[in-house]
Amino acid sequence: MNSESLALLWAREMPYGKYKGRLLAELPGHYLGWFAREGFPRGELGALLALMYELDHNNLRSLIDPLRPKR
């Protein structure tokens, strides 16, 4: 885990599925858990989803709050 990967959670959107268009940092835990059970996609998206799952599963979402872009 590095700061660049954490920042990407606020920059990348889910490209498909029920939560298409939602930022990866805002995906619900049950959806991330589904990926953990069924398998994460390959590549950068899968790595970011796995990272977000670990943050959510270990109740560490607050670590990325300071990286949230100002709106």
PDB file of N, CA and C in Angstrom:
ATOM      1  N   MET A   1       0.861  -1.183   0.000  1.00  0.00           N
ATOM      2  CA  MET A   1       0.000   0.000   0.000  1.00  0.00           C
ATOM      3  C   MET A   1       0.893   1.227   0.000  1.00  0.00           C
ATOM      4  N   ASN A   2       0.600   2.152  -0.894  1.00  0.00           N
ATOM      5  CA  ASN A   2       1.329   3.417  -0.929  1.00  0.00           C
ATOM      6  C   ASN A   2       0.326   4.558  -1.091  1.00  0.00           C
ATOM      7  N   SER A   3       0.810   5.769  -0.893  1.00  0.00           N
ATOM      8  CA  SER A   3      -0.094   6.918  -0.927  1.00  0.00           C
ATOM      9  C   SER A   3      -0.711   7.126  -2.308  1.00  0.00           C
ATOM     10  N   GLU A   4       0.020   6.764  -3.358  1.00  0.00           N
ATOM     11  CA  GLU A   4      -0.537   6.914  -4.711  1.00  0.00           C
ATOM     12  C   GLU A   4      -1.740   5.999  -4.904  1.00  0.00           C
ATOM     13  N   SER A   5      -1.634   4.765  -4.429  1.00  0.00           N
ATOM     14  CA  SER A   5      -2.755   3.826  -4.537  1.00  0.00           C
ATOM     15  C   SER A   5      -3.941   4.315  -3.722  1.00  0.00           C
ATOM     16  N   LEU A   6      -3.673   4.831  -2.550  1.00  0.00           N
ATOM     17  CA  LEU A   6      -4.767   5.343  -1.715  1.00  0.00           C
ATOM     18  C   LEU A   6      -5.464   6.520  -2.395  1.00  0.00           C
ATOM     19  N   ALA A   7      -4.691   7.408  -3.014  1.00  0.00           N
ATOM     20  CA  ALA A   7      -5.279   8.557  -3.707  1.00  0.00           C
ATOM     21  C   ALA A   7      -6.099   8.105  -4.916  1.00  0.00           C
ATOM     22  N   LEU A   8      -5.677   7.030  -5.575  1.00  0.00           N
ATOM     23  CA  LEU A   8      -6.415   6.539  -6.742  1.00  0.00           C
ATOM     24  C   LEU A   8      -7.808   6.042  -6.366  1.00  0.00           C
ATOM     25  N   LEU A   9      -8.006   5.655  -5.127  1.00  0.00           N
ATOM     26  CA  LEU A   9      -9.327   5.208  -4.694  1.00  0.00           C
ATOM     27  C   LEU A   9     -10.354   6.338  -4.807  1.00  0.00           C
ATOM     28  N   TRP A  10      -9.885   7.582  -4.726  1.00  0.00           N
ATOM     29  CA  TRP A  10     -10.762   8.743  -4.875  1.00  0.00           C
ATOM     30  C   TRP A  10     -10.795   9.252  -6.308  1.00  0.00           C
ATOM     31  N   ALA A  11      -9.959   8.693  -7.178  1.00  0.00           N
ATOM     32  CA  ALA A  11      -9.893   9.174  -8.557  1.00  0.00           C
ATOM     33  C   ALA A  11     -10.534   8.218  -9.562  1.00  0.00           C
ATOM     34  N   ARG A  12     -10.559   6.934  -9.258  1.00  0.00           N
ATOM     35  CA  ARG A  12     -11.070   5.935 -10.195  1.00  0.00           C
ATOM     36  C   ARG A  12     -12.537   5.611  -9.909  1.00  0.00           C
ATOM     37  N   GLU A  13     -13.282   5.460 -10.986  1.00  0.00           N
ATOM     38  CA  GLU A  13     -14.692   5.075 -10.873  1.00  0.00           C
ATOM     39  C   GLU A  13     -14.851   3.608 -11.220  1.00  0.00           C
ATOM     40  N   MET A  14     -15.856   3.000 -10.657  1.00  0.00           N
ATOM     41  CA  MET A  14     -16.184   1.622 -10.995  1.00  0.00           C
ATOM     42  C   MET A  14     -16.682   1.630 -12.443  1.00  0.00           C
ATOM     43  N   PRO A  15     -16.034   0.853 -13.329  1.00  0.00           N
ATOM     44  CA  PRO A  15     -16.378   0.936 -14.754  1.00  0.00           C
ATOM     45  C   PRO A  15     -17.593   0.113 -15.179  1.00  0.00           C
ATOM     46  N   TYR A  16     -18.117  -0.740 -14.316  1.00  0.00           N
ATOM     47  CA  TYR A  16     -19.240  -1.597 -14.708  1.00  0.00           C
ATOM     48  C   TYR A  16     -20.002  -2.063 -13.477  1.00  0.00           C
ATOM     49  N   GLY A  17     -21.118  -2.705 -13.730  1.00  0.00           N
ATOM     50  CA  GLY A  17     -21.894  -3.306 -12.645  1.00  0.00           C
ATOM     51  C   GLY A  17     -22.885  -2.355 -12.004  1.00  0.00           C
ATOM     52  N   LYS A  18     -23.446  -2.813 -10.921  1.00  0.00           N
ATOM     53  CA  LYS A  18     -24.477  -2.079 -10.200  1.00  0.00           C
ATOM     54  C   LYS A  18     -24.009  -0.691  -9.757  1.00  0.00           C
ATOM     55  N   TYR A  19     -22.729  -0.581  -9.429  1.00  0.00           N
ATOM     56  CA  TYR A  19     -22.189   0.680  -8.918  1.00  0.00           C
ATOM     57  C   TYR A  19     -21.322   1.404  -9.944  1.00  0.00           C
ATOM     58  N   LYS A  20     -21.614   1.186 -11.225  1.00  0.00           N
ATOM     59  CA  LYS A  20     -20.884   1.853 -12.306  1.00  0.00           C
ATOM     60  C   LYS A  20     -20.934   3.365 -12.094  1.00  0.00           C
ATOM     61  N   GLY A  21     -19.762   4.003 -12.200  1.00  0.00           N
ATOM     62  CA  GLY A  21     -19.680   5.448 -12.053  1.00  0.00           C
ATOM     63  C   GLY A  21     -19.394   5.915 -10.638  1.00  0.00           C
ATOM     64  N   ARG A  22     -19.502   5.042  -9.661  1.00  0.00           N
ATOM     65  CA  ARG A  22     -19.228   5.420  -8.273  1.00  0.00           C
ATOM     66  C   ARG A  22     -17.726   5.309  -8.014  1.00  0.00           C
ATOM     67  N   LEU A  23     -17.179   6.253  -7.262  1.00  0.00           N
ATOM     68  CA  LEU A  23     -15.764   6.201  -6.920  1.00  0.00           C
ATOM     69  C   LEU A  23     -15.471   4.945  -6.109  1.00  0.00           C
ATOM     70  N   LEU A  24     -14.304   4.364  -6.335  1.00  0.00           N
ATOM     71  CA  LEU A  24     -13.948   3.135  -5.638  1.00  0.00           C
ATOM     72  C   LEU A  24     -13.969   3.325  -4.121  1.00  0.00           C
ATOM     73  N   ALA A  25     -13.588   4.504  -3.657  1.00  0.00           N
ATOM     74  CA  ALA A  25     -13.577   4.783  -2.216  1.00  0.00           C
ATOM     75  C   ALA A  25     -14.980   4.817  -1.619  1.00  0.00           C
ATOM     76  N   GLU A  26     -15.996   4.929  -2.463  1.00  0.00           N
ATOM     77  CA  GLU A  26     -17.374   5.034  -1.978  1.00  0.00           C
ATOM     78  C   GLU A  26     -18.175   3.746  -2.185  1.00  0.00           C
ATOM     79  N   LEU A  27     -17.523   2.681  -2.636  1.00  0.00           N
ATOM     80  CA  LEU A  27     -18.234   1.414  -2.830  1.00  0.00           C
ATOM     81  C   LEU A  27     -18.614   0.817  -1.479  1.00  0.00           C
ATOM     82  N   PRO A  28     -19.801   0.238  -1.382  1.00  0.00           N
ATOM     83  CA  PRO A  28     -20.227  -0.351  -0.102  1.00  0.00           C
ATOM     84  C   PRO A  28     -19.459  -1.631   0.222  1.00  0.00           C
ATOM     85  N   GLY A  29     -19.325  -1.900   1.497  1.00  0.00           N
ATOM     86  CA  GLY A  29     -18.578  -3.052   1.976  1.00  0.00           C
ATOM     87  C   GLY A  29     -19.097  -4.380   1.458  1.00  0.00           C
ATOM     88  N   HIS A  30     -20.420  -4.522   1.349  1.00  0.00           N
ATOM     89  CA  HIS A  30     -20.960  -5.809   0.887  1.00  0.00           C
ATOM     90  C   HIS A  30     -20.557  -6.096  -0.555  1.00  0.00           C
ATOM     91  N   TYR A  31     -20.433  -5.055  -1.365  1.00  0.00           N
ATOM     92  CA  TYR A  31     -20.010  -5.221  -2.757  1.00  0.00           C
ATOM     93  C   TYR A  31     -18.532  -5.615  -2.821  1.00  0.00           C
ATOM     94  N   LEU A  32     -17.717  -4.985  -1.999  1.00  0.00           N
ATOM     95  CA  LEU A  32     -16.301  -5.334  -1.930  1.00  0.00           C
ATOM     96  C   LEU A  32     -16.127  -6.758  -1.419  1.00  0.00           C
ATOM     97  N   GLY A  33     -16.962  -7.145  -0.458  1.00  0.00           N
ATOM     98  CA  GLY A  33     -16.922  -8.507   0.060  1.00  0.00           C
ATOM     99  C   GLY A  33     -17.277  -9.525  -1.001  1.00  0.00           C
ATOM    100  N   TRP A  34     -18.213  -9.183  -1.872  1.00  0.00           N
ATOM    101  CA  TRP A  34     -18.582 -10.081  -2.965  1.00  0.00           C
ATOM    102  C   TRP A  34     -17.372 -10.335  -3.867  1.00  0.00           C
ATOM    103  N   PHE A  35     -16.641  -9.271  -4.193  1.00  0.00           N
ATOM    104  CA  PHE A  35     -15.442  -9.438  -5.006  1.00  0.00           C
ATOM    105  C   PHE A  35     -14.413 -10.299  -4.282  1.00  0.00           C
ATOM    106  N   ALA A  36     -14.269 -10.103  -2.985  1.00  0.00           N
ATOM    107  CA  ALA A  36     -13.306 -10.901  -2.220  1.00  0.00           C
ATOM    108  C   ALA A  36     -13.656 -12.387  -2.287  1.00  0.00           C
ATOM    109  N   ARG A  37     -14.932 -12.708  -2.272  1.00  0.00           N
ATOM    110  CA  ARG A  37     -15.362 -14.109  -2.345  1.00  0.00           C
ATOM    111  C   ARG A  37     -15.272 -14.663  -3.759  1.00  0.00           C
ATOM    112  N   GLU A  38     -15.671 -13.877  -4.739  1.00  0.00           N
ATOM    113  CA  GLU A  38     -15.763 -14.355  -6.121  1.00  0.00           C
ATOM    114  C   GLU A  38     -14.478 -14.165  -6.925  1.00  0.00           C
ATOM    115  N   GLY A  39     -13.642 -13.248  -6.481  1.00  0.00           N
ATOM    116  CA  GLY A  39     -12.389 -12.970  -7.183  1.00  0.00           C
ATOM    117  C   GLY A  39     -12.354 -11.550  -7.723  1.00  0.00           C
ATOM    118  N   PHE A  40     -11.259 -10.880  -7.482  1.00  0.00           N
ATOM    119  CA  PHE A  40     -11.070  -9.521  -7.980  1.00  0.00           C
ATOM    120  C   PHE A  40     -10.655  -9.581  -9.450  1.00  0.00           C
ATOM    121  N   PRO A  41     -11.032  -8.573 -10.236  1.00  0.00           N
ATOM    122  CA  PRO A  41     -10.591  -8.547 -11.632  1.00  0.00           C
ATOM    123  C   PRO A  41      -9.065  -8.375 -11.709  1.00  0.00           C
ATOM    124  N   ARG A  42      -8.527  -8.668 -12.863  1.00  0.00           N
ATOM    125  CA  ARG A  42      -7.085  -8.512 -13.070  1.00  0.00           C
ATOM    126  C   ARG A  42      -6.726  -7.047 -13.222  1.00  0.00           C
ATOM    127  N   GLY A  43      -5.460  -6.765 -13.038  1.00  0.00           N
ATOM    128  CA  GLY A  43      -4.926  -5.434 -13.303  1.00  0.00           C
ATOM    129  C   GLY A  43      -5.127  -4.438 -12.177  1.00  0.00           C
ATOM    130  N   GLU A  44      -5.008  -3.179 -12.558  1.00  0.00           N
ATOM    131  CA  GLU A  44      -5.070  -2.093 -11.586  1.00  0.00           C
ATOM    132  C   GLU A  44      -6.411  -2.052 -10.859  1.00  0.00           C
ATOM    133  N   LEU A  45      -7.498  -2.254 -11.595  1.00  0.00           N
ATOM    134  CA  LEU A  45      -8.812  -2.214 -10.967  1.00  0.00           C
ATOM    135  C   LEU A  45      -8.913  -3.260  -9.857  1.00  0.00           C
ATOM    136  N   GLY A  46      -8.491  -4.461 -10.130  1.00  0.00           N
ATOM    137  CA  GLY A  46      -8.542  -5.521  -9.125  1.00  0.00           C
ATOM    138  C   GLY A  46      -7.692  -5.201  -7.911  1.00  0.00           C
ATOM    139  N   ALA A  47      -6.513  -4.655  -8.144  1.00  0.00           N
ATOM    140  CA  ALA A  47      -5.630  -4.295  -7.037  1.00  0.00           C
ATOM    141  C   ALA A  47      -6.257  -3.197  -6.176  1.00  0.00           C
ATOM    142  N   LEU A  48      -6.877  -2.222  -6.822  1.00  0.00           N
ATOM    143  CA  LEU A  48      -7.518  -1.134  -6.067  1.00  0.00           C
ATOM    144  C   LEU A  48      -8.747  -1.631  -5.308  1.00  0.00           C
ATOM    145  N   LEU A  49      -9.520  -2.513  -5.927  1.00  0.00           N
ATOM    146  CA  LEU A  49     -10.679  -3.079  -5.228  1.00  0.00           C
ATOM    147  C   LEU A  49     -10.231  -3.910  -4.028  1.00  0.00           C
ATOM    148  N   ALA A  50      -9.153  -4.671  -4.189  1.00  0.00           N
ATOM    149  CA  ALA A  50      -8.627  -5.469  -3.078  1.00  0.00           C
ATOM    150  C   ALA A  50      -8.142  -4.562  -1.950  1.00  0.00           C
ATOM    151  N   LEU A  51      -7.492  -3.467  -2.299  1.00  0.00           N
ATOM    152  CA  LEU A  51      -7.036  -2.507  -1.298  1.00  0.00           C
ATOM    153  C   LEU A  51      -8.225  -1.904  -0.561  1.00  0.00           C
ATOM    154  N   MET A  52      -9.245  -1.501  -1.313  1.00  0.00           N
ATOM    155  CA  MET A  52     -10.435  -0.916  -0.689  1.00  0.00           C
ATOM    156  C   MET A  52     -11.132  -1.936   0.201  1.00  0.00           C
ATOM    157  N   TYR A  53     -11.166  -3.190  -0.230  1.00  0.00           N
ATOM    158  CA  TYR A  53     -11.754  -4.243   0.599  1.00  0.00           C
ATOM    159  C   TYR A  53     -10.997  -4.360   1.918  1.00  0.00           C
ATOM    160  N   GLU A  54      -9.687  -4.376   1.881  1.00  0.00           N
ATOM    161  CA  GLU A  54      -8.897  -4.490   3.113  1.00  0.00           C
ATOM    162  C   GLU A  54      -9.148  -3.304   4.045  1.00  0.00           C
ATOM    163  N   LEU A  55      -9.226  -2.115   3.470  1.00  0.00           N
ATOM    164  CA  LEU A  55      -9.512  -0.935   4.298  1.00  0.00           C
ATOM    165  C   LEU A  55     -10.885  -1.049   4.943  1.00  0.00           C
ATOM    166  N   ASP A  56     -11.871  -1.466   4.160  1.00  0.00           N
ATOM    167  CA  ASP A  56     -13.230  -1.589   4.681  1.00  0.00           C
ATOM    168  C   ASP A  56     -13.324  -2.718   5.706  1.00  0.00           C
ATOM    169  N   HIS A  57     -12.779  -3.862   5.382  1.00  0.00           N
ATOM    170  CA  HIS A  57     -12.865  -5.046   6.244  1.00  0.00           C
ATOM    171  C   HIS A  57     -12.203  -4.810   7.603  1.00  0.00           C
ATOM    172  N   ASN A  58     -11.131  -4.031   7.607  1.00  0.00           N
ATOM    173  CA  ASN A  58     -10.397  -3.759   8.841  1.00  0.00           C
ATOM    174  C   ASN A  58     -10.780  -2.423   9.473  1.00  0.00           C
ATOM    175  N   ASN A  59     -11.908  -1.859   9.017  1.00  0.00           N
ATOM    176  CA  ASN A  59     -12.435  -0.611   9.573  1.00  0.00           C
ATOM    177  C   ASN A  59     -11.404   0.523   9.517  1.00  0.00           C
ATOM    178  N   LEU A  60     -10.743   0.650   8.364  1.00  0.00           N
ATOM    179  CA  LEU A  60      -9.709   1.663   8.193  1.00  0.00           C
ATOM    180  C   LEU A  60     -10.050   2.688   7.114  1.00  0.00           C
ATOM    181  N   ARG A  61     -11.318   2.799   6.777  1.00  0.00           N
ATOM    182  CA  ARG A  61     -11.709   3.772   5.740  1.00  0.00           C
ATOM    183  C   ARG A  61     -11.287   5.192   6.101  1.00  0.00           C
ATOM    184  N   SER A  62     -11.186   5.477   7.376  1.00  0.00           N
ATOM    185  CA  SER A  62     -10.814   6.828   7.801  1.00  0.00           C
ATOM    186  C   SER A  62      -9.406   7.204   7.338  1.00  0.00           C
ATOM    187  N   LEU A  63      -8.572   6.227   7.006  1.00  0.00           N
ATOM    188  CA  LEU A  63      -7.225   6.531   6.517  1.00  0.00           C
ATOM    189  C   LEU A  63      -7.247   7.291   5.196  1.00  0.00           C
ATOM    190  N   ILE A  64      -8.278   7.082   4.400  1.00  0.00           N
ATOM    191  CA  ILE A  64      -8.314   7.748   3.093  1.00  0.00           C
ATOM    192  C   ILE A  64      -9.131   9.035   3.103  1.00  0.00           C
ATOM    193  N   ASP A  65      -9.797   9.333   4.199  1.00  0.00           N
ATOM    194  CA  ASP A  65     -10.607  10.554   4.271  1.00  0.00           C
ATOM    195  C   ASP A  65      -9.795  11.823   3.994  1.00  0.00           C
ATOM    196  N   PRO A  66      -8.574  11.954   4.525  1.00  0.00           N
ATOM    197  CA  PRO A  66      -7.805  13.172   4.221  1.00  0.00           C
ATOM    198  C   PRO A  66      -7.435  13.314   2.739  1.00  0.00           C
ATOM    199  N   LEU A  67      -7.492  12.228   1.994  1.00  0.00           N
ATOM    200  CA  LEU A  67      -7.156  12.267   0.573  1.00  0.00           C
ATOM    201  C   LEU A  67      -8.354  12.600  -0.311  1.00  0.00           C
ATOM    202  N   ARG A  68      -9.529  12.696   0.299  1.00  0.00           N
ATOM    203  CA  ARG A  68     -10.757  12.993  -0.463  1.00  0.00           C
ATOM    204  C   ARG A  68     -10.602  14.367  -1.125  1.00  0.00           C
ATOM    205  N   PRO A  69     -10.870  14.422  -2.433  1.00  0.00           N
ATOM    206  CA  PRO A  69     -10.742  15.712  -3.119  1.00  0.00           C
ATOM    207  C   PRO A  69     -11.768  16.722  -2.605  1.00  0.00           C
ATOM    208  N   LYS A  70     -11.362  17.964  -2.589  1.00  0.00           N
ATOM    209  CA  LYS A  70     -12.272  19.039  -2.172  1.00  0.00           C
ATOM    210  C   LYS A  70     -13.251  19.297  -3.294  1.00  0.00           C
ATOM    211  N   ARG A  71     -14.522  19.436  -2.958  1.00  0.00           N
ATOM    212  CA  ARG A  71     -15.551  19.704  -3.979  1.00  0.00           C
ATOM    213  C   ARG A  71     -16.124  21.073  -3.810  1.00  0.00           C
TER     214      ARG A  71
END
